[in-house]
Amino acid sequence: MEEAKQSTAKKEADSVSSKETKSDVDLDWGDVQNELEEAKQPTAKKEASSVNFEKIKKSETKGPSLDLDFILDIPITVTVELGRGKMLIGKLLQLGQGSIVELTKLAGEPMDIFVNNRLIGKGEVIVVNEKFGVRLTDVVSTAERISKLK
């Protein structure tokens, strides 16, 4: 009796798998070919209609004017560079009181003036009330300063 059950189960499994195989294989290739040909045909061109926009009018701002006084209290760092030099670490370690370090600038040459590490001009060293100061001799143009910010 068990053999009969196994035989029946096997026949049912075979019939199900053969049905699945037939439905998978039995494609209508004519329909597939028609779909491919339709896909190859160019689609109808759609025409765009023109749109007219009103011209934008320049209006005056009626709100409060910008008060930029708040930036006057922002601290900045001003640096005057006497010159630059390069040396090996060995030489640096040998420096002591009275050692001389050569710089690239010549005596009497204008000093570079930096604000927040950006060159803004050149100047000459002066003494004011027993302190060093710098008299501006050349200022980088505003356009150049702005271009360096970008």
N, C-alpha and C. Protein backbone atom coordinates (compact mmCIF):
# COMPACT_ATOMS: atom_id res chain seq x y z
N MET A 1 0.81 -1.18 0.00
CA MET A 1 0.00 0.00 0.00
C MET A 1 0.87 1.26 0.00
N GLU A 2 1.97 1.16 0.68
CA GLU A 2 2.87 2.29 0.68
C GLU A 2 3.43 2.54 -0.70
N GLU A 3 3.65 1.49 -1.44
CA GLU A 3 4.15 1.66 -2.80
C GLU A 3 3.14 2.40 -3.65
N ALA A 4 1.88 2.13 -3.44
CA ALA A 4 0.83 2.79 -4.21
C ALA A 4 0.80 4.27 -3.88
N LYS A 5 0.96 4.62 -2.60
CA LYS A 5 0.95 6.03 -2.19
C LYS A 5 2.14 6.76 -2.80
N GLN A 6 3.31 6.11 -2.77
CA GLN A 6 4.51 6.73 -3.33
C GLN A 6 4.37 6.91 -4.83
N SER A 7 3.78 5.92 -5.48
CA SER A 7 3.60 5.99 -6.92
C SER A 7 2.65 7.12 -7.28
N THR A 8 1.56 7.27 -6.52
CA THR A 8 0.58 8.33 -6.78
C THR A 8 1.22 9.70 -6.53
N ALA A 9 1.97 9.82 -5.47
CA ALA A 9 2.62 11.09 -5.15
C ALA A 9 3.62 11.47 -6.24
N LYS A 10 4.33 10.46 -6.77
CA LYS A 10 5.31 10.72 -7.80
C LYS A 10 4.63 11.18 -9.08
N LYS A 11 3.49 10.56 -9.43
CA LYS A 11 2.77 10.95 -10.64
C LYS A 11 2.26 12.38 -10.51
N GLU A 12 1.75 12.73 -9.32
CA GLU A 12 1.24 14.09 -9.12
C GLU A 12 2.38 15.12 -9.23
N ALA A 13 3.52 14.80 -8.66
CA ALA A 13 4.67 15.71 -8.73
C ALA A 13 5.15 15.88 -10.16
N ASP A 14 5.17 14.77 -10.93
CA ASP A 14 5.59 14.85 -12.33
C ASP A 14 4.63 15.69 -13.14
N SER A 15 3.33 15.55 -12.88
CA SER A 15 2.35 16.30 -13.67
C SER A 15 2.43 17.79 -13.34
N VAL A 16 2.68 18.13 -12.07
CA VAL A 16 2.81 19.54 -11.69
C VAL A 16 4.04 20.14 -12.34
N SER A 17 5.17 19.43 -12.28
CA SER A 17 6.40 19.98 -12.85
C SER A 17 6.30 20.08 -14.36
N SER A 18 5.61 19.15 -15.02
CA SER A 18 5.47 19.24 -16.47
C SER A 18 4.57 20.40 -16.85
N LYS A 19 3.55 20.70 -16.04
CA LYS A 19 2.68 21.85 -16.32
C LYS A 19 3.47 23.15 -16.20
N GLU A 20 4.30 23.23 -15.14
CA GLU A 20 5.11 24.44 -14.96
C GLU A 20 6.07 24.62 -16.12
N THR A 21 6.68 23.53 -16.56
CA THR A 21 7.64 23.60 -17.64
C THR A 21 6.97 24.03 -18.93
N LYS A 22 5.78 23.46 -19.20
CA LYS A 22 5.08 23.82 -20.44
C LYS A 22 4.68 25.29 -20.42
N SER A 23 4.20 25.80 -19.28
CA SER A 23 3.77 27.19 -19.24
C SER A 23 4.96 28.13 -19.36
N ASP A 24 6.12 27.71 -18.85
CA ASP A 24 7.32 28.53 -18.97
C ASP A 24 7.86 28.54 -20.39
N VAL A 25 7.79 27.42 -21.08
CA VAL A 25 8.36 27.28 -22.41
C VAL A 25 7.41 27.77 -23.48
N ASP A 26 6.13 27.61 -23.28
CA ASP A 26 5.14 27.96 -24.30
C ASP A 26 4.89 29.46 -24.33
N LEU A 27 5.88 30.24 -24.75
CA LEU A 27 5.72 31.67 -24.91
C LEU A 27 5.27 31.95 -26.33
N ASP A 28 4.48 33.00 -26.49
CA ASP A 28 4.05 33.39 -27.81
C ASP A 28 5.11 34.34 -28.36
N TRP A 29 6.04 33.80 -29.15
CA TRP A 29 7.15 34.58 -29.66
C TRP A 29 6.70 35.66 -30.62
N GLY A 30 5.55 35.52 -31.18
CA GLY A 30 5.02 36.57 -32.05
C GLY A 30 4.74 37.84 -31.26
N ASP A 31 4.18 37.67 -30.04
CA ASP A 31 3.91 38.84 -29.18
C ASP A 31 5.21 39.52 -28.77
N VAL A 32 6.21 38.72 -28.46
CA VAL A 32 7.50 39.27 -28.05
C VAL A 32 8.11 40.06 -29.20
N GLN A 33 8.04 39.52 -30.42
CA GLN A 33 8.58 40.19 -31.59
C GLN A 33 7.85 41.51 -31.83
N ASN A 34 6.52 41.51 -31.68
CA ASN A 34 5.74 42.74 -31.87
C ASN A 34 6.14 43.81 -30.86
N GLU A 35 6.34 43.41 -29.61
CA GLU A 35 6.74 44.36 -28.57
C GLU A 35 8.11 44.96 -28.87
N LEU A 36 9.03 44.15 -29.37
CA LEU A 36 10.35 44.66 -29.71
C LEU A 36 10.29 45.66 -30.85
N GLU A 37 9.47 45.38 -31.86
CA GLU A 37 9.35 46.30 -32.99
C GLU A 37 8.72 47.62 -32.56
N GLU A 38 7.72 47.55 -31.67
CA GLU A 38 7.09 48.77 -31.17
C GLU A 38 8.09 49.61 -30.38
N ALA A 39 8.95 48.96 -29.64
CA ALA A 39 9.94 49.68 -28.84
C ALA A 39 10.96 50.37 -29.73
N LYS A 40 11.27 49.80 -30.91
CA LYS A 40 12.25 50.38 -31.81
C LYS A 40 11.71 51.60 -32.54
N GLN A 41 10.40 51.69 -32.71
CA GLN A 41 9.81 52.79 -33.47
C GLN A 41 9.96 54.09 -32.67
N PRO A 42 10.27 55.19 -33.36
CA PRO A 42 10.42 56.46 -32.65
C PRO A 42 9.08 56.91 -32.08
N THR A 43 9.15 57.50 -30.91
CA THR A 43 7.93 57.98 -30.28
C THR A 43 7.55 59.31 -30.89
N ALA A 44 6.31 59.65 -30.76
CA ALA A 44 5.82 60.91 -31.31
C ALA A 44 6.45 62.07 -30.55
N LYS A 45 6.89 63.08 -31.29
CA LYS A 45 7.52 64.23 -30.65
C LYS A 45 6.44 65.11 -30.03
N LYS A 46 6.72 65.55 -28.82
CA LYS A 46 5.80 66.45 -28.14
C LYS A 46 6.31 67.87 -28.33
N GLU A 47 5.43 68.76 -28.63
CA GLU A 47 5.82 70.14 -28.83
C GLU A 47 5.68 70.90 -27.52
N ALA A 48 6.64 71.75 -27.27
CA ALA A 48 6.60 72.57 -26.07
C ALA A 48 5.99 73.91 -26.43
N SER A 49 5.16 74.40 -25.56
CA SER A 49 4.57 75.71 -25.81
C SER A 49 5.38 76.77 -25.08
N SER A 50 5.43 77.95 -25.65
CA SER A 50 6.20 79.02 -25.02
C SER A 50 5.41 79.64 -23.88
N VAL A 51 6.15 80.14 -22.92
CA VAL A 51 5.54 80.75 -21.75
C VAL A 51 6.07 82.16 -21.64
N ASN A 52 5.22 83.09 -21.37
CA ASN A 52 5.62 84.49 -21.21
C ASN A 52 5.65 84.84 -19.73
N PHE A 53 6.79 85.35 -19.28
CA PHE A 53 6.93 85.77 -17.89
C PHE A 53 7.00 87.28 -17.84
N GLU A 54 6.52 87.83 -16.75
CA GLU A 54 6.63 89.27 -16.57
C GLU A 54 8.07 89.63 -16.24
N LYS A 55 8.49 90.80 -16.68
CA LYS A 55 9.84 91.23 -16.37
C LYS A 55 9.94 91.56 -14.89
N ILE A 56 11.07 91.18 -14.32
CA ILE A 56 11.29 91.45 -12.90
C ILE A 56 11.71 92.91 -12.76
N LYS A 57 11.01 93.59 -11.90
CA LYS A 57 11.30 95.00 -11.68
C LYS A 57 12.19 95.15 -10.46
N LYS A 58 13.15 96.03 -10.57
CA LYS A 58 14.04 96.29 -9.45
C LYS A 58 13.28 97.16 -8.46
N SER A 59 13.17 96.67 -7.25
CA SER A 59 12.43 97.43 -6.25
C SER A 59 13.39 97.92 -5.17
N GLU A 60 13.05 99.01 -4.60
CA GLU A 60 13.87 99.55 -3.53
C GLU A 60 13.49 98.83 -2.24
N THR A 61 14.50 98.57 -1.43
CA THR A 61 14.20 97.93 -0.15
C THR A 61 13.63 98.97 0.79
N LYS A 62 12.52 98.62 1.37
CA LYS A 62 11.86 99.56 2.27
C LYS A 62 12.11 99.19 3.72
N GLY A 63 12.85 98.09 3.92
CA GLY A 63 13.14 97.65 5.28
C GLY A 63 14.29 98.46 5.86
N PRO A 64 14.67 98.13 7.08
CA PRO A 64 15.76 98.86 7.71
C PRO A 64 17.09 98.60 6.99
N SER A 65 17.94 99.61 6.93
CA SER A 65 19.23 99.44 6.27
C SER A 65 20.13 98.59 7.16
N LEU A 66 21.08 97.91 6.52
CA LEU A 66 21.99 97.06 7.27
C LEU A 66 22.96 97.92 8.07
N ASP A 67 23.09 97.60 9.34
CA ASP A 67 24.02 98.31 10.19
C ASP A 67 25.24 97.43 10.37
N LEU A 68 26.32 97.79 9.71
CA LEU A 68 27.53 96.98 9.74
C LEU A 68 28.49 97.40 10.86
N ASP A 69 28.03 98.22 11.78
CA ASP A 69 28.90 98.65 12.87
C ASP A 69 29.34 97.50 13.76
N PHE A 70 28.57 96.42 13.79
CA PHE A 70 28.92 95.30 14.66
C PHE A 70 30.25 94.66 14.27
N ILE A 71 30.68 94.79 13.00
CA ILE A 71 31.95 94.17 12.61
C ILE A 71 33.15 94.97 13.09
N LEU A 72 32.92 96.20 13.53
CA LEU A 72 34.03 97.03 13.98
C LEU A 72 34.67 96.50 15.26
N ASP A 73 33.97 95.66 16.01
CA ASP A 73 34.50 95.13 17.27
C ASP A 73 35.08 93.73 17.13
N ILE A 74 35.21 93.22 15.91
CA ILE A 74 35.78 91.89 15.70
C ILE A 74 37.30 91.99 15.77
N PRO A 75 37.93 91.19 16.64
CA PRO A 75 39.39 91.26 16.75
C PRO A 75 40.08 90.59 15.55
N ILE A 76 41.21 91.17 15.14
CA ILE A 76 42.02 90.60 14.06
C ILE A 76 43.47 90.53 14.53
N THR A 77 44.28 89.76 13.84
CA THR A 77 45.70 89.65 14.16
C THR A 77 46.51 90.31 13.05
N VAL A 78 47.33 91.28 13.43
CA VAL A 78 48.20 91.97 12.47
C VAL A 78 49.63 91.47 12.70
N THR A 79 50.27 91.04 11.61
CA THR A 79 51.63 90.52 11.68
C THR A 79 52.50 91.28 10.68
N VAL A 80 53.67 91.72 11.14
CA VAL A 80 54.63 92.35 10.25
C VAL A 80 55.81 91.39 10.15
N GLU A 81 56.11 90.99 8.92
CA GLU A 81 57.15 89.99 8.70
C GLU A 81 58.45 90.67 8.30
N LEU A 82 59.44 90.48 9.13
CA LEU A 82 60.76 91.05 8.90
C LEU A 82 61.50 90.30 7.80
N GLY A 83 61.28 89.00 7.72
CA GLY A 83 61.91 88.16 6.71
C GLY A 83 61.69 86.70 7.04
N ARG A 84 62.20 85.84 6.18
CA ARG A 84 62.09 84.40 6.37
C ARG A 84 63.45 83.76 6.18
N GLY A 85 63.59 82.58 6.73
CA GLY A 85 64.84 81.85 6.56
C GLY A 85 64.59 80.36 6.70
N LYS A 86 65.54 79.58 6.19
CA LYS A 86 65.46 78.12 6.31
C LYS A 86 66.74 77.63 6.96
N MET A 87 66.60 76.60 7.77
CA MET A 87 67.78 75.99 8.37
C MET A 87 67.48 74.55 8.72
N LEU A 88 68.52 73.80 8.90
CA LEU A 88 68.39 72.41 9.29
C LEU A 88 68.13 72.32 10.79
N ILE A 89 67.51 71.25 11.21
CA ILE A 89 67.21 71.06 12.63
C ILE A 89 68.50 71.06 13.45
N GLY A 90 69.56 70.49 12.89
CA GLY A 90 70.85 70.49 13.59
C GLY A 90 71.32 71.90 13.91
N LYS A 91 71.20 72.81 12.94
CA LYS A 91 71.59 74.21 13.15
C LYS A 91 70.68 74.87 14.18
N LEU A 92 69.39 74.56 14.11
CA LEU A 92 68.43 75.13 15.05
C LEU A 92 68.79 74.73 16.48
N LEU A 93 69.19 73.49 16.66
CA LEU A 93 69.54 73.01 18.00
C LEU A 93 70.84 73.65 18.51
N GLN A 94 71.67 74.15 17.61
CA GLN A 94 72.93 74.78 18.00
C GLN A 94 72.77 76.26 18.34
N LEU A 95 71.58 76.84 18.04
CA LEU A 95 71.39 78.27 18.30
C LEU A 95 71.45 78.55 19.80
N GLY A 96 72.04 79.64 20.11
CA GLY A 96 72.12 80.09 21.50
C GLY A 96 72.05 81.60 21.54
N GLN A 97 72.17 82.16 22.74
CA GLN A 97 72.12 83.61 22.88
C GLN A 97 73.27 84.23 22.09
N GLY A 98 72.94 85.22 21.27
CA GLY A 98 73.95 85.89 20.45
C GLY A 98 74.10 85.29 19.06
N SER A 99 73.43 84.15 18.78
CA SER A 99 73.49 83.55 17.43
C SER A 99 72.80 84.47 16.44
N ILE A 100 73.23 84.40 15.20
CA ILE A 100 72.65 85.22 14.14
C ILE A 100 71.94 84.32 13.14
N VAL A 101 70.71 84.70 12.78
CA VAL A 101 69.91 83.96 11.80
C VAL A 101 69.75 84.87 10.58
N GLU A 102 70.21 84.40 9.43
CA GLU A 102 70.07 85.19 8.20
C GLU A 102 68.65 85.06 7.65
N LEU A 103 68.14 86.19 7.16
CA LEU A 103 66.80 86.22 6.57
C LEU A 103 66.90 86.56 5.10
N THR A 104 65.83 86.33 4.37
CA THR A 104 65.83 86.52 2.92
C THR A 104 65.72 87.99 2.51
N LYS A 105 65.15 88.84 3.35
CA LYS A 105 64.97 90.25 2.97
C LYS A 105 66.26 91.03 3.19
N LEU A 106 66.42 92.06 2.37
CA LEU A 106 67.58 92.94 2.48
C LEU A 106 67.28 94.05 3.48
N ALA A 107 68.31 94.63 4.04
CA ALA A 107 68.14 95.76 4.96
C ALA A 107 67.52 96.92 4.19
N GLY A 108 66.51 97.55 4.78
CA GLY A 108 65.84 98.68 4.14
C GLY A 108 64.71 98.29 3.22
N GLU A 109 64.55 97.00 2.95
CA GLU A 109 63.46 96.52 2.09
C GLU A 109 62.14 96.59 2.87
N PRO A 110 61.02 96.93 2.21
CA PRO A 110 59.74 97.03 2.92
C PRO A 110 59.33 95.69 3.55
N MET A 111 58.69 95.77 4.70
CA MET A 111 58.21 94.59 5.41
C MET A 111 56.82 94.22 4.92
N ASP A 112 56.52 92.91 4.91
CA ASP A 112 55.19 92.45 4.53
C ASP A 112 54.26 92.58 5.73
N ILE A 113 53.04 93.07 5.47
CA ILE A 113 52.05 93.24 6.54
C ILE A 113 50.89 92.30 6.26
N PHE A 114 50.59 91.47 7.24
CA PHE A 114 49.52 90.48 7.12
C PHE A 114 48.42 90.78 8.13
N VAL A 115 47.19 90.58 7.71
CA VAL A 115 46.05 90.62 8.63
C VAL A 115 45.39 89.26 8.56
N ASN A 116 45.34 88.59 9.69
CA ASN A 116 44.81 87.21 9.76
C ASN A 116 45.46 86.33 8.70
N ASN A 117 46.78 86.41 8.60
CA ASN A 117 47.60 85.59 7.69
C ASN A 117 47.36 85.88 6.21
N ARG A 118 46.80 87.03 5.88
CA ARG A 118 46.60 87.42 4.48
C ARG A 118 47.36 88.72 4.23
N LEU A 119 48.17 88.71 3.18
CA LEU A 119 48.97 89.89 2.85
C LEU A 119 48.05 91.04 2.48
N ILE A 120 48.22 92.18 3.16
CA ILE A 120 47.40 93.35 2.83
C ILE A 120 48.25 94.51 2.35
N GLY A 121 49.57 94.43 2.56
CA GLY A 121 50.41 95.52 2.10
C GLY A 121 51.85 95.38 2.54
N LYS A 122 52.60 96.47 2.30
CA LYS A 122 54.01 96.53 2.68
C LYS A 122 54.23 97.84 3.42
N GLY A 123 55.26 97.87 4.24
CA GLY A 123 55.53 99.09 5.00
C GLY A 123 56.95 99.12 5.51
N GLU A 124 57.30 100.27 6.12
CA GLU A 124 58.63 100.44 6.68
C GLU A 124 58.52 100.57 8.20
N VAL A 125 59.52 100.04 8.87
CA VAL A 125 59.52 100.04 10.33
C VAL A 125 59.85 101.44 10.84
N ILE A 126 59.07 101.89 11.83
CA ILE A 126 59.32 103.18 12.48
C ILE A 126 59.23 102.96 13.99
N VAL A 127 59.65 103.96 14.76
CA VAL A 127 59.54 103.91 16.22
C VAL A 127 58.53 104.97 16.64
N VAL A 128 57.53 104.53 17.42
CA VAL A 128 56.50 105.44 17.92
C VAL A 128 56.41 105.25 19.43
N ASN A 129 56.70 106.31 20.19
CA ASN A 129 56.66 106.24 21.66
C ASN A 129 57.46 105.06 22.18
N GLU A 130 58.65 104.91 21.70
CA GLU A 130 59.58 103.86 22.10
C GLU A 130 59.08 102.45 21.77
N LYS A 131 58.14 102.35 20.85
CA LYS A 131 57.66 101.04 20.39
C LYS A 131 57.78 101.00 18.87
N PHE A 132 57.94 99.79 18.35
CA PHE A 132 58.00 99.65 16.90
C PHE A 132 56.61 99.88 16.30
N GLY A 133 56.61 100.41 15.10
CA GLY A 133 55.39 100.59 14.33
C GLY A 133 55.72 100.37 12.86
N VAL A 134 54.71 100.45 12.03
CA VAL A 134 54.90 100.26 10.59
C VAL A 134 54.15 101.36 9.86
N ARG A 135 54.85 102.01 8.94
CA ARG A 135 54.21 103.01 8.07
C ARG A 135 53.91 102.30 6.76
N LEU A 136 52.63 102.28 6.38
CA LEU A 136 52.22 101.62 5.13
C LEU A 136 52.79 102.37 3.94
N THR A 137 53.46 101.65 3.07
CA THR A 137 53.99 102.24 1.85
C THR A 137 53.26 101.72 0.62
N ASP A 138 52.63 100.57 0.75
CA ASP A 138 51.91 99.96 -0.37
C ASP A 138 50.79 99.11 0.20
N VAL A 139 49.59 99.27 -0.35
CA VAL A 139 48.44 98.49 0.11
C VAL A 139 47.92 97.67 -1.07
N VAL A 140 47.68 96.38 -0.82
CA VAL A 140 47.14 95.50 -1.85
C VAL A 140 45.74 95.99 -2.19
N SER A 141 45.41 96.03 -3.48
CA SER A 141 44.10 96.53 -3.90
C SER A 141 42.97 95.66 -3.34
N THR A 142 41.82 96.27 -3.18
CA THR A 142 40.67 95.55 -2.65
C THR A 142 40.31 94.37 -3.53
N ALA A 143 40.40 94.54 -4.83
CA ALA A 143 40.06 93.45 -5.76
C ALA A 143 40.99 92.26 -5.56
N GLU A 144 42.29 92.54 -5.37
CA GLU A 144 43.25 91.45 -5.13
C GLU A 144 42.97 90.74 -3.82
N ARG A 145 42.64 91.51 -2.78
CA ARG A 145 42.35 90.90 -1.48
C ARG A 145 41.12 90.01 -1.57
N ILE A 146 40.10 90.46 -2.28
CA ILE A 146 38.87 89.66 -2.42
C ILE A 146 39.15 88.41 -3.23
N SER A 147 39.94 88.53 -4.30
CA SER A 147 40.23 87.35 -5.13
C SER A 147 41.02 86.30 -4.35
N LYS A 148 41.85 86.71 -3.41
CA LYS A 148 42.61 85.76 -2.60
C LYS A 148 41.74 85.05 -1.58
N LEU A 149 40.57 85.61 -1.27
CA LEU A 149 39.66 84.97 -0.32
C LEU A 149 38.98 83.77 -0.94
N LYS A 150 38.85 83.74 -2.25
CA LYS A 150 38.11 82.67 -2.93
C LYS A 150 38.92 81.43 -3.08
